[in-house]
Amino acid sequence: MPRRKFRHTHRYESPGDRSHQEYIANQPAQMTTRSELLRLIKGGEDTYLELKVKLSNVEKITQGIVALANTSGGTIIFGITDQLRIEGVTDPEAVRDELVRICREDIVPAVVPYIDMIAFDSGKRVVAIDIEARNRPYRTKDGRFYMRFGAEKREVAREQLSMWLDEIRPLGYENIPLFNCTEEDFDDGLLWTFAAGFEEVNQNLNMYQTAEFLKKDLLLAVGGADEFFPTVAGLVLFGKGDRVAQLFPRSGVLVSRFSGENGNAQLIESAELTGNLHSLYESAQQFVLRYVDLLKAKPKRRTAEDTLHVKPRSVYHIYAIREAIANALVHRDLAIRDIPTRINIYDNAIEFVNARRTNGFVPPASRAIRYGITHRINPQIAAIFGRREYGASIPRGGLPMVLKQSRLFSDRKAEVFTANDEFRLKIYGA
């Protein structure tokens, strides 16, 4: 029978307004009792417990913490031999500080551990670090994922990684490395045009070293000295159009025109747009312009004399539609495989449908975004896509601007709602 994981009431997290030394001086007494520690050690290693004599191999300790965090959490105790004898550590304070450094600097995302130092009557002291599985997936700095199976840690095989990530649906999916992606899969023209836009740093760039620039300057790739594993964000932002479609097919957008006022009407045209975000943004606008007019000013109201035999094209506020397209591309939940981003054009409205986990998001969060309180799930993608240097030329104002301008333009309030892991925005035309 597996043991119950214990949790301490003290977290090792140094506040920003206090120095590390001040924090150490004010630490409360240990929270793990010696009897509890002995009970854990007596049970031996399992899925939730690892025993170490000392902290000597930082790389292996990092892998062990990642494995526990990616499984269900657990504990590593330092100062215990393979024969389950308490050997103790020479400098528990140094072990503690190194563990904190590893969790903060060598693991992505950073781990905030619980750490206890337990002393025995013999004078021997051990260090116990307790890890919680809060923000999976965790990886090492070189982009490797580990999990714990019984008393062993194993690296997640690349062929199993996609299935595992789809199962846990991490919020930070944009930072997931793609192991089948290479330097040749990137659009160097788009990448270096973006880089050249920053004149103040352009002199320091090692131009045309795509892998190094993505890894060290933009933080859109990981790997060791001779490795290059671009992240999902890196590929969808700067990947070549055909390679993005092959390596990450869920990044495409389905655009459709219906001859009615909802999706039950006859389908006139449908197309799947592929490519990086820059090309998706441009091609989505071109498709919309085939069926509607986008204007900056509200059109004059038609009189009886102006009535036409043919129903005129719908008219929309140009910046509201551009911003709606940009939001659909940037804020979609890339971890959800089976719900594509869709833009549906009807006779009287345009509907934008995106994958978005509704668990924990509605209803308070869906109301808050109407007032500009964003809930970005792809902050890196949003930061680069919104830069003038990226070349997308998106408007400013977010969803509040879209809602306000579309209402002023058409005298109808846009509809926003979330359900069944979908976010829907419906804008009515004039």
Foldseek 3Di string as FASTA:
>chain_A
DDDDADDFPDWPDDDPVDDPVVCVVPDDAFGDDPVNVLVVLVVPFWQAEAEEQAPDDLVVVLLVLQQQLQEAWHKYKYQADPVSDRRADDDVVVVVVVVQCCQVPFKPPRFTWHKGWDADPVGGIMIMITGGNDQDNMDTQQQWGWHGHIRDIDTDDLVCVLVSCLVVLGLQQQQHWQQVDDLVQFDLVLVVLLVVVPVVCNVVDPPPPRQCCCVPPLVQWHRDPPDTTGGNLRCQQTGFFVVCCVRQVLLKEKEWEFAADDPVGHTDDIDIGTGHPLVRLVVVVVVVVVQAAEDQDADDDDDPVRDDPDDDGFYFHNQLVSLLSVCQNQQARSSPRPDHWYWYHYRWKIKTKGQADPVVCPDPNQVVVLVVPDDGSHVSNCVSVPDVSSPSPHDDDHNVVSQVRLCVRAVDGWDWDDDPRMTMIMGTTD
